[in-house]
Amino acid sequence: MAWWSFLRPSGAQQFDVANAHSVELTRRRPELSLTKQGAAVGNMRVNLSWQMRASDTGGWNADRGSFLRRQLEIFKPRVVQAAGPAMVNVDLDLACMYELADGTKGVVQPLGNFLGDLDGPPWIQMSGDDRFGGTSGETLYINFDKRDEFKRLLVFVYIYDGTPAFDRTHAKVEIFPGSGPRIEIPLSEREPQARSCAVVLIENRKGELIVRREVKYVYGFQAEIDRLYGWGLQWGRGYKTKV
């Protein structure tokens, strides 16, 4: 086999290469049609990940070391993964409000253990609750084989505990459709007191599934996002069990 044959992947390899490319939704380009890309099929994965700059963690040892090492580190970005509670005290949650074609409304989120169902209504499921911002983050799955069952979906992020500022958590939401490039939505705006952010709205517009960037920050939690988008759910105070 010629060496250049590896440059022409086929089968499952084509899927991996396609998803290696990304499209960032911005204010100037806020929308993308999943239907026109042939991506409104199978299970779509929505992932939340976050990290913090070392200077934000307040670690005393971060600035110590040999003179030469400190000089070399000037040329490197001071970023560390938020891999555990000793590093960063912040807990971001990924969630999704849904409205189905039959009028059913609800939410899928770690808080309250509303983890959903991928094989039955609401056809959305949360993988679990990552409290420390590991490299895998939090993941939400949406079953687009049932795409006609959806009217609209609102993916949002809220800070359950810890740093009340998205500009310090450097959060990012990535969407991995069943085919085509992944979609990136960074949450990098400076909103010092925001506790929640409506990230992306997925709407069924006459059979066409459209992903639209929202990135609207609010100072409250789910109830405030609900009011902003007119969902009409009833909300109460919830707590997580301690780990």
C-alpha atoms as a PDB file:
ATOM      1  CA  MET A   1       0.000   0.000   0.000  1.00  0.00           C
ATOM      2  CA  ALA A   2       1.365   3.395  -1.007  1.00  0.00           C
ATOM      3  CA  TRP A   3       2.050   5.841   1.812  1.00  0.00           C
ATOM      4  CA  TRP A   4      -0.231   8.482   0.309  1.00  0.00           C
ATOM      5  CA  SER A   5      -3.199   6.131   0.607  1.00  0.00           C
ATOM      6  CA  PHE A   6      -3.317   7.103   4.287  1.00  0.00           C
ATOM      7  CA  LEU A   7      -4.263  10.606   3.161  1.00  0.00           C
ATOM      8  CA  ARG A   8      -7.504   9.242   1.699  1.00  0.00           C
ATOM      9  CA  PRO A   9      -9.319   7.673   4.658  1.00  0.00           C
ATOM     10  CA  SER A  10     -12.558   5.783   4.148  1.00  0.00           C
ATOM     11  CA  GLY A  11     -15.390   4.408   6.229  1.00  0.00           C
ATOM     12  CA  ALA A  12     -15.188   5.177   9.944  1.00  0.00           C
ATOM     13  CA  GLN A  13     -11.973   7.130   9.401  1.00  0.00           C
ATOM     14  CA  GLN A  14     -13.862   9.643   7.258  1.00  0.00           C
ATOM     15  CA  PHE A  15     -16.201  10.300  10.199  1.00  0.00           C
ATOM     16  CA  ASP A  16     -13.259  10.994  12.506  1.00  0.00           C
ATOM     17  CA  VAL A  17     -11.587  13.353  10.050  1.00  0.00           C
ATOM     18  CA  ALA A  18     -14.829  15.222   9.398  1.00  0.00           C
ATOM     19  CA  ASN A  19     -15.391  15.811  13.089  1.00  0.00           C
ATOM     20  CA  ALA A  20     -11.771  16.919  13.507  1.00  0.00           C
ATOM     21  CA  HIS A  21     -12.764  20.132  11.688  1.00  0.00           C
ATOM     22  CA  SER A  22     -14.827  22.707  13.483  1.00  0.00           C
ATOM     23  CA  VAL A  23     -17.125  25.628  12.797  1.00  0.00           C
ATOM     24  CA  GLU A  24     -17.400  28.394  15.380  1.00  0.00           C
ATOM     25  CA  LEU A  25     -20.732  30.135  15.717  1.00  0.00           C
ATOM     26  CA  THR A  26     -20.199  33.861  16.165  1.00  0.00           C
ATOM     27  CA  ARG A  27     -22.304  37.003  16.337  1.00  0.00           C
ATOM     28  CA  ARG A  28     -21.774  37.505  12.622  1.00  0.00           C
ATOM     29  CA  ARG A  29     -22.451  33.879  11.797  1.00  0.00           C
ATOM     30  CA  PRO A  30     -24.880  32.722  14.480  1.00  0.00           C
ATOM     31  CA  GLU A  31     -26.801  29.997  12.635  1.00  0.00           C
ATOM     32  CA  LEU A  32     -26.163  26.649  11.017  1.00  0.00           C
ATOM     33  CA  SER A  33     -28.606  24.219   9.400  1.00  0.00           C
ATOM     34  CA  LEU A  34     -28.055  20.646  10.542  1.00  0.00           C
ATOM     35  CA  THR A  35     -30.576  19.433   7.974  1.00  0.00           C
ATOM     36  CA  LYS A  36     -28.787  20.987   4.994  1.00  0.00           C
ATOM     37  CA  GLN A  37     -25.528  19.421   6.152  1.00  0.00           C
ATOM     38  CA  GLY A  38     -27.185  16.011   6.454  1.00  0.00           C
ATOM     39  CA  ALA A  39     -26.238  16.082  10.146  1.00  0.00           C
ATOM     40  CA  ALA A  40     -29.723  15.864  11.692  1.00  0.00           C
ATOM     41  CA  VAL A  41     -29.469  12.099  12.151  1.00  0.00           C
ATOM     42  CA  GLY A  42     -28.277   9.714  14.840  1.00  0.00           C
ATOM     43  CA  ASN A  43     -27.142  10.801  18.277  1.00  0.00           C
ATOM     44  CA  MET A  44     -25.756  14.322  18.507  1.00  0.00           C
ATOM     45  CA  ARG A  45     -23.321  14.926  21.360  1.00  0.00           C
ATOM     46  CA  VAL A  46     -23.142  18.258  23.206  1.00  0.00           C
ATOM     47  CA  ASN A  47     -20.102  18.677  25.425  1.00  0.00           C
ATOM     48  CA  LEU A  48     -19.228  21.287  28.063  1.00  0.00           C
ATOM     49  CA  SER A  49     -15.622  21.686  29.184  1.00  0.00           C
ATOM     50  CA  TRP A  50     -13.846  24.386  31.144  1.00  0.00           C
ATOM     51  CA  GLN A  51     -10.453  25.393  32.459  1.00  0.00           C
ATOM     52  CA  MET A  52      -8.930  28.222  34.462  1.00  0.00           C
ATOM     53  CA  ARG A  53      -5.727  30.218  34.260  1.00  0.00           C
ATOM     54  CA  ALA A  54      -3.217  29.321  36.940  1.00  0.00           C
ATOM     55  CA  SER A  55      -3.184  32.923  38.124  1.00  0.00           C
ATOM     56  CA  ASP A  56      -6.891  32.637  38.905  1.00  0.00           C
ATOM     57  CA  THR A  57      -6.438  29.675  41.218  1.00  0.00           C
ATOM     58  CA  GLY A  58      -4.363  31.667  43.716  1.00  0.00           C
ATOM     59  CA  GLY A  59      -1.817  28.891  44.106  1.00  0.00           C
ATOM     60  CA  TRP A  60       1.258  30.144  45.997  1.00  0.00           C
ATOM     61  CA  ASN A  61       3.565  27.566  44.386  1.00  0.00           C
ATOM     62  CA  ALA A  62       2.605  28.639  40.883  1.00  0.00           C
ATOM     63  CA  ASP A  63       5.115  31.502  40.961  1.00  0.00           C
ATOM     64  CA  ARG A  64       7.979  29.644  42.599  1.00  0.00           C
ATOM     65  CA  GLY A  65      10.858  27.747  41.007  1.00  0.00           C
ATOM     66  CA  SER A  66      14.265  28.393  39.582  1.00  0.00           C
ATOM     67  CA  PHE A  67      15.050  31.705  37.952  1.00  0.00           C
ATOM     68  CA  LEU A  68      15.669  30.063  34.566  1.00  0.00           C
ATOM     69  CA  ARG A  69      12.420  28.105  34.688  1.00  0.00           C
ATOM     70  CA  ARG A  70      10.452  31.221  35.547  1.00  0.00           C
ATOM     71  CA  GLN A  71      12.015  33.069  32.615  1.00  0.00           C
ATOM     72  CA  LEU A  72      11.118  30.265  30.223  1.00  0.00           C
ATOM     73  CA  GLU A  73       7.560  30.145  31.517  1.00  0.00           C
ATOM     74  CA  ILE A  74       7.061  33.761  30.468  1.00  0.00           C
ATOM     75  CA  PHE A  75       6.724  32.498  26.906  1.00  0.00           C
ATOM     76  CA  LYS A  76       4.149  29.832  27.761  1.00  0.00           C
ATOM     77  CA  PRO A  77       0.431  30.426  28.461  1.00  0.00           C
ATOM     78  CA  ARG A  78      -0.264  29.859  32.140  1.00  0.00           C
ATOM     79  CA  VAL A  79      -3.210  27.514  31.774  1.00  0.00           C
ATOM     80  CA  VAL A  80      -4.029  24.434  33.791  1.00  0.00           C
ATOM     81  CA  GLN A  81      -6.905  21.997  33.497  1.00  0.00           C
ATOM     82  CA  ALA A  82      -9.418  22.224  36.299  1.00  0.00           C
ATOM     83  CA  ALA A  83      -8.855  18.610  37.225  1.00  0.00           C
ATOM     84  CA  GLY A  84      -9.872  18.543  40.860  1.00  0.00           C
ATOM     85  CA  PRO A  85     -11.206  20.455  43.860  1.00  0.00           C
ATOM     86  CA  ALA A  86      -7.706  21.207  45.121  1.00  0.00           C
ATOM     87  CA  MET A  87      -7.041  23.189  41.957  1.00  0.00           C
ATOM     88  CA  VAL A  88     -10.299  24.981  41.272  1.00  0.00           C
ATOM     89  CA  ASN A  89     -13.471  25.427  43.275  1.00  0.00           C
ATOM     90  CA  VAL A  90     -16.022  25.746  40.494  1.00  0.00           C
ATOM     91  CA  ASP A  91     -18.866  23.527  39.357  1.00  0.00           C
ATOM     92  CA  LEU A  92     -20.442  24.202  35.963  1.00  0.00           C
ATOM     93  CA  ASP A  93     -23.517  22.278  34.867  1.00  0.00           C
ATOM     94  CA  LEU A  94     -24.712  21.600  31.333  1.00  0.00           C
ATOM     95  CA  ALA A  95     -28.486  21.434  30.851  1.00  0.00           C
ATOM     96  CA  CYS A  96     -31.197  21.494  28.216  1.00  0.00           C
ATOM     97  CA  MET A  97     -34.766  22.782  28.262  1.00  0.00           C
ATOM     98  CA  TYR A  98     -36.945  21.017  25.719  1.00  0.00           C
ATOM     99  CA  GLU A  99     -40.300  21.550  24.075  1.00  0.00           C
ATOM    100  CA  LEU A 100     -41.600  18.611  22.069  1.00  0.00           C
ATOM    101  CA  ALA A 101     -43.954  18.691  19.092  1.00  0.00           C
ATOM    102  CA  ASP A 102     -46.838  17.475  21.280  1.00  0.00           C
ATOM    103  CA  GLY A 103     -46.388  20.420  23.675  1.00  0.00           C
ATOM    104  CA  THR A 104     -44.506  18.527  26.392  1.00  0.00           C
ATOM    105  CA  LYS A 105     -41.937  20.723  28.161  1.00  0.00           C
ATOM    106  CA  GLY A 106     -39.213  19.936  30.662  1.00  0.00           C
ATOM    107  CA  VAL A 107     -35.529  20.037  31.466  1.00  0.00           C
ATOM    108  CA  VAL A 108     -32.604  17.611  31.425  1.00  0.00           C
ATOM    109  CA  GLN A 109     -29.928  18.523  33.989  1.00  0.00           C
ATOM    110  CA  PRO A 110     -27.755  16.997  36.737  1.00  0.00           C
ATOM    111  CA  LEU A 111     -29.468  19.026  39.470  1.00  0.00           C
ATOM    112  CA  GLY A 112     -32.408  17.007  40.710  1.00  0.00           C
ATOM    113  CA  ASN A 113     -31.127  13.984  38.791  1.00  0.00           C
ATOM    114  CA  PHE A 114     -33.245  14.835  35.726  1.00  0.00           C
ATOM    115  CA  LEU A 115     -30.973  12.887  33.395  1.00  0.00           C
ATOM    116  CA  GLY A 116     -33.545  12.204  30.667  1.00  0.00           C
ATOM    117  CA  ASP A 117     -33.928   9.235  28.325  1.00  0.00           C
ATOM    118  CA  LEU A 118     -32.354   8.703  24.918  1.00  0.00           C
ATOM    119  CA  ASP A 119     -34.644   5.854  23.820  1.00  0.00           C
ATOM    120  CA  GLY A 120     -37.915   7.443  24.961  1.00  0.00           C
ATOM    121  CA  PRO A 121     -39.322  10.935  25.533  1.00  0.00           C
ATOM    122  CA  PRO A 122     -37.709  13.447  25.743  1.00  0.00           C
ATOM    123  CA  TRP A 123     -35.110  11.649  23.532  1.00  0.00           C
ATOM    124  CA  ILE A 124     -32.350  13.557  25.389  1.00  0.00           C
ATOM    125  CA  GLN A 125     -30.001  12.161  28.021  1.00  0.00           C
ATOM    126  CA  MET A 126     -27.277  13.526  30.284  1.00  0.00           C
ATOM    127  CA  SER A 127     -24.191  11.357  30.716  1.00  0.00           C
ATOM    128  CA  GLY A 128     -23.662  12.454  34.323  1.00  0.00           C
ATOM    129  CA  ASP A 129     -22.337  15.276  36.465  1.00  0.00           C
ATOM    130  CA  ASP A 130     -18.691  16.348  36.255  1.00  0.00           C
ATOM    131  CA  ARG A 131     -18.093  18.604  39.254  1.00  0.00           C
ATOM    132  CA  PHE A 132     -14.421  19.388  38.702  1.00  0.00           C
ATOM    133  CA  GLY A 133     -14.037  20.233  35.010  1.00  0.00           C
ATOM    134  CA  GLY A 134     -12.115  17.168  33.879  1.00  0.00           C
ATOM    135  CA  THR A 135     -10.964  16.865  30.298  1.00  0.00           C
ATOM    136  CA  SER A 136     -14.135  14.967  29.332  1.00  0.00           C
ATOM    137  CA  GLY A 137     -16.427  17.600  30.871  1.00  0.00           C
ATOM    138  CA  GLU A 138     -20.184  17.036  30.838  1.00  0.00           C
ATOM    139  CA  THR A 139     -22.007  15.520  27.886  1.00  0.00           C
ATOM    140  CA  LEU A 140     -25.580  15.654  26.663  1.00  0.00           C
ATOM    141  CA  TYR A 141     -26.912  13.302  23.961  1.00  0.00           C
ATOM    142  CA  ILE A 142     -29.814  14.133  21.635  1.00  0.00           C
ATOM    143  CA  ASN A 143     -31.492  11.430  19.536  1.00  0.00           C
ATOM    144  CA  PHE A 144     -32.051  13.051  16.154  1.00  0.00           C
ATOM    145  CA  ASP A 145     -33.553   9.880  14.732  1.00  0.00           C
ATOM    146  CA  LYS A 146     -36.571  11.354  16.557  1.00  0.00           C
ATOM    147  CA  ARG A 147     -36.014  14.827  15.113  1.00  0.00           C
ATOM    148  CA  ASP A 148     -39.693  15.253  14.198  1.00  0.00           C
ATOM    149  CA  GLU A 149     -40.516  14.964  17.908  1.00  0.00           C
ATOM    150  CA  PHE A 150     -38.643  18.185  18.731  1.00  0.00           C
ATOM    151  CA  LYS A 151     -39.999  21.725  18.513  1.00  0.00           C
ATOM    152  CA  ARG A 152     -37.146  23.555  20.225  1.00  0.00           C
ATOM    153  CA  LEU A 153     -34.227  22.790  22.522  1.00  0.00           C
ATOM    154  CA  LEU A 154     -32.287  25.322  24.590  1.00  0.00           C
ATOM    155  CA  VAL A 155     -28.837  24.253  25.747  1.00  0.00           C
ATOM    156  CA  PHE A 156     -27.634  26.313  28.697  1.00  0.00           C
ATOM    157  CA  VAL A 157     -24.896  26.342  31.336  1.00  0.00           C
ATOM    158  CA  TYR A 158     -25.094  27.463  34.942  1.00  0.00           C
ATOM    159  CA  ILE A 159     -22.573  27.797  37.741  1.00  0.00           C
ATOM    160  CA  TYR A 160     -23.919  25.645  40.549  1.00  0.00           C
ATOM    161  CA  ASP A 161     -21.101  26.435  42.951  1.00  0.00           C
ATOM    162  CA  GLY A 162     -17.837  28.358  42.981  1.00  0.00           C
ATOM    163  CA  THR A 163     -16.558  31.194  40.812  1.00  0.00           C
ATOM    164  CA  PRO A 164     -19.452  33.462  39.754  1.00  0.00           C
ATOM    165  CA  ALA A 165     -17.789  34.545  36.504  1.00  0.00           C
ATOM    166  CA  PHE A 166     -17.727  32.880  33.098  1.00  0.00           C
ATOM    167  CA  ASP A 167     -14.778  35.029  32.008  1.00  0.00           C
ATOM    168  CA  ARG A 168     -12.603  33.174  34.544  1.00  0.00           C
ATOM    169  CA  THR A 169     -13.821  29.644  33.855  1.00  0.00           C
ATOM    170  CA  HIS A 170     -13.022  29.768  30.106  1.00  0.00           C
ATOM    171  CA  ALA A 171     -15.934  27.469  29.341  1.00  0.00           C
ATOM    172  CA  LYS A 172     -16.662  26.095  25.880  1.00  0.00           C
ATOM    173  CA  VAL A 173     -19.604  24.171  24.470  1.00  0.00           C
ATOM    174  CA  GLU A 174     -18.919  21.853  21.541  1.00  0.00           C
ATOM    175  CA  ILE A 175     -21.562  20.130  19.435  1.00  0.00           C
ATOM    176  CA  PHE A 176     -20.713  16.904  17.624  1.00  0.00           C
ATOM    177  CA  PRO A 177     -23.394  16.064  15.031  1.00  0.00           C
ATOM    178  CA  GLY A 178     -23.772  12.559  13.625  1.00  0.00           C
ATOM    179  CA  SER A 179     -21.817  13.763  10.568  1.00  0.00           C
ATOM    180  CA  GLY A 180     -19.977  16.875   9.468  1.00  0.00           C
ATOM    181  CA  PRO A 181     -17.804  19.292  11.452  1.00  0.00           C
ATOM    182  CA  ARG A 182     -18.162  19.913  15.152  1.00  0.00           C
ATOM    183  CA  ILE A 183     -19.651  23.227  16.222  1.00  0.00           C
ATOM    184  CA  GLU A 184     -17.897  25.381  18.830  1.00  0.00           C
ATOM    185  CA  ILE A 185     -19.425  28.072  21.030  1.00  0.00           C
ATOM    186  CA  PRO A 186     -16.894  29.671  23.425  1.00  0.00           C
ATOM    187  CA  LEU A 187     -18.249  31.373  26.540  1.00  0.00           C
ATOM    188  CA  SER A 188     -15.532  33.986  26.825  1.00  0.00           C
ATOM    189  CA  GLU A 189     -17.394  37.290  27.244  1.00  0.00           C
ATOM    190  CA  ARG A 190     -16.633  39.257  30.384  1.00  0.00           C
ATOM    191  CA  GLU A 191     -19.756  38.954  32.527  1.00  0.00           C
ATOM    192  CA  PRO A 192     -18.341  39.212  36.089  1.00  0.00           C
ATOM    193  CA  GLN A 193     -21.509  38.357  38.008  1.00  0.00           C
ATOM    194  CA  ALA A 194     -23.389  36.077  35.595  1.00  0.00           C
ATOM    195  CA  ARG A 195     -24.481  32.745  37.047  1.00  0.00           C
ATOM    196  CA  SER A 196     -26.070  31.250  33.918  1.00  0.00           C
ATOM    197  CA  CYS A 197     -25.788  31.419  30.153  1.00  0.00           C
ATOM    198  CA  ALA A 198     -28.217  30.415  27.403  1.00  0.00           C
ATOM    199  CA  VAL A 199     -25.747  28.982  24.898  1.00  0.00           C
ATOM    200  CA  VAL A 200     -27.528  27.625  21.844  1.00  0.00           C
ATOM    201  CA  LEU A 201     -31.097  27.197  20.594  1.00  0.00           C
ATOM    202  CA  ILE A 202     -32.009  24.290  18.302  1.00  0.00           C
ATOM    203  CA  GLU A 203     -35.301  24.863  16.489  1.00  0.00           C
ATOM    204  CA  ASN A 204     -37.399  22.764  14.148  1.00  0.00           C
ATOM    205  CA  ARG A 205     -38.405  25.251  11.449  1.00  0.00           C
ATOM    206  CA  LYS A 206     -40.853  23.474   9.149  1.00  0.00           C
ATOM    207  CA  GLY A 207     -38.836  20.290   9.264  1.00  0.00           C
ATOM    208  CA  GLU A 208     -35.411  21.968   9.114  1.00  0.00           C
ATOM    209  CA  LEU A 209     -33.280  21.772  12.264  1.00  0.00           C
ATOM    210  CA  ILE A 210     -31.404  25.025  12.853  1.00  0.00           C
ATOM    211  CA  VAL A 211     -28.690  25.571  15.461  1.00  0.00           C
ATOM    212  CA  ARG A 212     -28.513  29.208  16.593  1.00  0.00           C
ATOM    213  CA  ARG A 213     -25.910  30.777  18.840  1.00  0.00           C
ATOM    214  CA  GLU A 214     -27.454  32.638  21.776  1.00  0.00           C
ATOM    215  CA  VAL A 215     -24.722  33.240  24.431  1.00  0.00           C
ATOM    216  CA  LYS A 216     -27.025  35.313  26.614  1.00  0.00           C
ATOM    217  CA  TYR A 217     -25.814  35.716  30.191  1.00  0.00           C
ATOM    218  CA  VAL A 218     -28.177  36.143  33.115  1.00  0.00           C
ATOM    219  CA  TYR A 219     -27.540  36.839  36.789  1.00  0.00           C
ATOM    220  CA  GLY A 220     -29.986  34.221  38.050  1.00  0.00           C
ATOM    221  CA  PHE A 221     -30.488  30.545  37.309  1.00  0.00           C
ATOM    222  CA  GLN A 222     -32.905  28.337  35.358  1.00  0.00           C
ATOM    223  CA  ALA A 223     -36.021  30.342  36.196  1.00  0.00           C
ATOM    224  CA  GLU A 224     -34.506  33.510  34.717  1.00  0.00           C
ATOM    225  CA  ILE A 225     -33.519  31.729  31.509  1.00  0.00           C
ATOM    226  CA  ASP A 226     -37.030  30.257  31.398  1.00  0.00           C
ATOM    227  CA  ARG A 227     -38.573  33.735  31.573  1.00  0.00           C
ATOM    228  CA  LEU A 228     -36.197  35.027  28.913  1.00  0.00           C
ATOM    229  CA  TYR A 229     -37.360  32.372  26.431  1.00  0.00           C
ATOM    230  CA  GLY A 230     -40.945  31.934  27.609  1.00  0.00           C
ATOM    231  CA  TRP A 231     -40.733  28.245  28.525  1.00  0.00           C
ATOM    232  CA  GLY A 232     -43.255  28.411  31.349  1.00  0.00           C
ATOM    233  CA  LEU A 233     -41.865  25.750  33.700  1.00  0.00           C
ATOM    234  CA  GLN A 234     -42.184  25.785  37.497  1.00  0.00           C
ATOM    235  CA  TRP A 235     -38.856  25.963  39.339  1.00  0.00           C
ATOM    236  CA  GLY A 236     -37.814  25.280  42.908  1.00  0.00           C
ATOM    237  CA  ARG A 237     -34.534  25.421  44.798  1.00  0.00           C
ATOM    238  CA  GLY A 238     -32.434  22.302  44.347  1.00  0.00           C
ATOM    239  CA  TYR A 239     -29.244  20.955  45.933  1.00  0.00           C
ATOM    240  CA  LYS A 240     -26.697  18.283  45.090  1.00  0.00           C
ATOM    241  CA  THR A 241     -25.529  15.547  47.382  1.00  0.00           C
ATOM    242  CA  LYS A 242     -21.987  16.111  48.622  1.00  0.00           C
ATOM    243  CA  VAL A 243     -19.141  14.072  47.141  1.00  0.00           C
END
